[in-house]
Amino acid sequence: MTDPPSASALRVAAVPSSVYLMEYEGTFTFPVSVARLWETLLQVDQFTSWWSWLQDFRVEGTALGAGSVLHGVVAPPVPYRMQIDVVLEEWVVEQRIAALVHGDLEGPATLTFEGDGTESRAHAAWALEMMQRPMRIAARVAYPLLRWGHDRVVDATVDGLRRQLVADGGR
């Protein structure tokens, strides 16, 4: 018998698949503890220096946590820019972040963390609907190109985070 899925997993799975939906699920391993990875993710003032695809970034709220809102523009290597607001709905230190994305992309996203003292894994899942009319038109005829752009942003995010962890020397 398997455990029932979490409420957030149900939210992600409940979104009907369509050409306008960018669904994603992936797990990434980092050579540091979850505590160290989490500490690095709290450095929001550094995000735009780590990730060239992130522009006009700001955080609404005094600190990251449930209720904080992250605002920014996602600039993938395709001719579209997406303004998004990420509302942090659930924040469990060193375990889980659940959010709702609004703006040019709409939908739920989660990050979960696990590991030991020397290695951590971050599992990401989201189902984001493209809301911009030009993107919706492009999705009908060039979905693979949009998917490619999405995947390059994911790769750049993970690579940038790994570079930062190495630069910090795993302190």
Protein backbone atom coordinates (compact mmCIF):
# COMPACT_ATOMS: atom_id res chain seq x y z
CA MET A 1 0.00 0.00 0.00
CA THR A 2 1.36 3.43 -0.90
CA ASP A 3 1.03 6.63 1.08
CA PRO A 4 -1.60 9.07 -0.19
CA PRO A 5 -0.11 12.00 -2.11
CA SER A 6 0.29 15.31 -0.31
CA ALA A 7 -2.20 18.11 -0.91
CA SER A 8 0.33 20.03 -3.04
CA ALA A 9 1.07 16.97 -5.13
CA LEU A 10 -2.65 16.67 -5.78
CA ARG A 11 -2.78 20.31 -6.84
CA VAL A 12 0.04 19.83 -9.32
CA ALA A 13 -1.39 16.55 -10.64
CA ALA A 14 -4.93 17.93 -10.87
CA VAL A 15 -4.05 20.53 -13.51
CA PRO A 16 -5.16 19.17 -16.88
CA SER A 17 -2.34 18.79 -19.38
CA SER A 18 -2.45 21.12 -22.37
CA VAL A 19 -0.09 22.70 -24.86
CA TYR A 20 -0.24 25.89 -22.75
CA LEU A 21 1.01 24.10 -19.64
CA MET A 22 4.66 23.77 -18.70
CA GLU A 23 4.79 20.77 -16.37
CA TYR A 24 8.07 19.87 -14.73
CA GLU A 25 9.47 17.47 -12.18
CA GLY A 26 13.15 17.00 -11.41
CA THR A 27 15.57 16.14 -8.62
CA PHE A 28 19.02 17.69 -8.26
CA THR A 29 21.90 16.61 -6.02
CA PHE A 30 24.26 19.09 -4.37
CA PRO A 31 27.52 18.26 -2.55
CA VAL A 32 26.53 20.09 0.64
CA SER A 33 24.19 19.49 3.56
CA VAL A 34 20.56 20.56 3.35
CA ALA A 35 21.33 23.20 6.00
CA ARG A 36 24.08 24.68 3.78
CA LEU A 37 21.89 24.56 0.66
CA TRP A 38 19.05 26.25 2.54
CA GLU A 39 21.40 28.95 3.89
CA THR A 40 22.52 29.70 0.33
CA LEU A 41 18.93 29.91 -0.94
CA LEU A 42 18.23 32.58 1.66
CA GLN A 43 20.69 34.93 -0.07
CA VAL A 44 17.96 36.48 -2.24
CA ASP A 45 19.95 39.68 -2.69
CA GLN A 46 22.41 37.61 -4.77
CA PHE A 47 19.92 35.88 -7.07
CA THR A 48 20.34 38.20 -10.08
CA SER A 49 24.15 37.81 -9.91
CA TRP A 50 23.78 34.00 -9.97
CA TRP A 51 21.07 33.80 -12.61
CA SER A 52 21.29 35.97 -15.73
CA TRP A 53 17.75 34.95 -16.73
CA LEU A 54 16.29 36.75 -13.66
CA GLN A 55 15.63 40.48 -14.02
CA ASP A 56 13.90 43.21 -11.98
CA PHE A 57 13.88 40.95 -8.93
CA ARG A 58 12.59 42.05 -5.54
CA VAL A 59 11.10 40.47 -2.44
CA GLU A 60 7.98 41.76 -0.70
CA GLY A 61 8.21 41.08 3.01
CA THR A 62 10.90 41.43 5.65
CA ALA A 63 12.28 37.89 5.29
CA LEU A 64 11.62 34.80 3.26
CA GLY A 65 8.82 32.72 4.67
CA ALA A 66 5.14 31.92 4.28
CA GLY A 67 3.43 35.03 2.95
CA SER A 68 6.50 36.51 1.25
CA VAL A 69 6.13 37.43 -2.41
CA LEU A 70 8.98 37.29 -4.92
CA HIS A 71 8.59 39.52 -7.98
CA GLY A 72 10.68 39.30 -11.13
CA VAL A 73 11.00 38.90 -14.85
CA VAL A 74 12.07 35.57 -16.33
CA ALA A 75 14.11 36.07 -19.51
CA PRO A 76 14.74 32.65 -21.12
CA PRO A 77 16.77 32.23 -24.34
CA VAL A 78 13.61 32.60 -26.45
CA PRO A 79 12.02 35.90 -27.53
CA TYR A 80 9.64 36.15 -24.55
CA ARG A 81 9.91 37.78 -21.14
CA MET A 82 7.57 36.70 -18.37
CA GLN A 83 6.62 38.87 -15.41
CA ILE A 84 5.85 36.67 -12.41
CA ASP A 85 4.92 36.97 -8.76
CA VAL A 86 5.71 33.96 -6.58
CA VAL A 87 3.63 33.81 -3.39
CA LEU A 88 5.27 31.57 -0.78
CA GLU A 89 2.37 29.64 0.72
CA GLU A 90 4.23 27.07 2.80
CA TRP A 91 7.71 27.38 4.27
CA VAL A 92 9.13 24.51 6.31
CA VAL A 93 12.79 25.25 7.04
CA GLU A 94 15.18 22.81 5.34
CA GLN A 95 12.24 20.66 4.17
CA ARG A 96 9.70 22.27 1.86
CA ILE A 97 8.62 25.38 0.00
CA ALA A 98 5.22 25.51 -1.68
CA ALA A 99 4.23 28.49 -3.79
CA LEU A 100 1.67 29.84 -6.21
CA VAL A 101 2.98 31.58 -9.31
CA HIS A 102 0.96 34.45 -10.81
CA GLY A 103 1.38 36.75 -13.79
CA ASP A 104 2.49 35.63 -17.24
CA LEU A 105 2.72 32.12 -15.77
CA GLU A 106 0.06 30.73 -13.40
CA GLY A 107 0.13 27.65 -11.21
CA PRO A 108 1.54 25.78 -8.22
CA ALA A 109 5.19 24.95 -7.56
CA THR A 110 6.98 23.01 -4.84
CA LEU A 111 10.56 22.44 -3.73
CA THR A 112 11.36 19.72 -1.23
CA PHE A 113 14.73 18.98 0.35
CA GLU A 114 16.35 15.91 1.86
CA GLY A 115 19.83 14.65 2.48
CA ASP A 116 22.50 14.01 5.05
CA GLY A 117 25.46 15.97 6.39
CA THR A 118 27.41 15.82 3.13
CA GLU A 119 24.86 15.72 0.31
CA SER A 120 21.42 17.15 -0.37
CA ARG A 121 18.70 16.62 -2.94
CA ALA A 122 16.23 19.23 -4.07
CA HIS A 123 13.08 18.01 -5.79
CA ALA A 124 11.22 20.57 -7.90
CA ALA A 125 7.72 20.22 -9.36
CA TRP A 126 5.40 22.69 -11.04
CA ALA A 127 2.57 23.01 -13.50
CA LEU A 128 2.56 26.53 -14.95
CA GLU A 129 0.11 27.75 -17.54
CA MET A 130 1.36 30.28 -20.09
CA MET A 131 -0.92 33.31 -19.94
CA GLN A 132 0.63 35.68 -22.53
CA ARG A 133 -1.29 35.56 -25.80
CA PRO A 134 1.89 35.50 -27.96
CA MET A 135 3.27 32.60 -25.90
CA ARG A 136 0.01 30.69 -26.19
CA ILE A 137 0.10 31.13 -29.97
CA ALA A 138 3.76 30.04 -30.08
CA ALA A 139 2.96 27.02 -27.89
CA ARG A 140 0.53 25.77 -30.55
CA VAL A 141 3.17 25.76 -33.29
CA ALA A 142 6.54 25.66 -31.47
CA TYR A 143 6.02 23.98 -28.10
CA PRO A 144 9.41 22.20 -28.34
CA LEU A 145 11.14 25.60 -28.60
CA LEU A 146 9.32 26.90 -25.51
CA ARG A 147 10.14 23.67 -23.66
CA TRP A 148 13.78 24.05 -24.65
CA GLY A 149 13.81 27.62 -23.27
CA HIS A 150 12.21 26.42 -20.02
CA ASP A 151 14.75 23.63 -19.64
CA ARG A 152 17.67 26.04 -20.26
CA VAL A 153 16.39 28.25 -17.39
CA VAL A 154 16.20 25.19 -15.10
CA ASP A 155 19.73 24.13 -16.11
CA ALA A 156 21.08 27.67 -15.59
CA THR A 157 19.43 27.85 -12.17
CA VAL A 158 20.96 24.58 -10.97
CA ASP A 159 24.37 25.40 -12.50
CA GLY A 160 24.36 28.88 -10.93
CA LEU A 161 23.47 27.49 -7.53
CA ARG A 162 26.22 24.86 -7.79
CA ARG A 163 28.75 27.56 -8.77
CA GLN A 164 27.73 29.62 -5.77
CA LEU A 165 28.06 26.66 -3.40
CA VAL A 166 31.58 26.00 -4.73
CA ALA A 167 32.49 29.71 -4.51
CA ASP A 168 31.32 29.76 -0.90
CA GLY A 169 33.58 26.77 -0.25
CA GLY A 170 30.88 24.79 1.54
CA ARG A 171 31.43 26.91 4.67
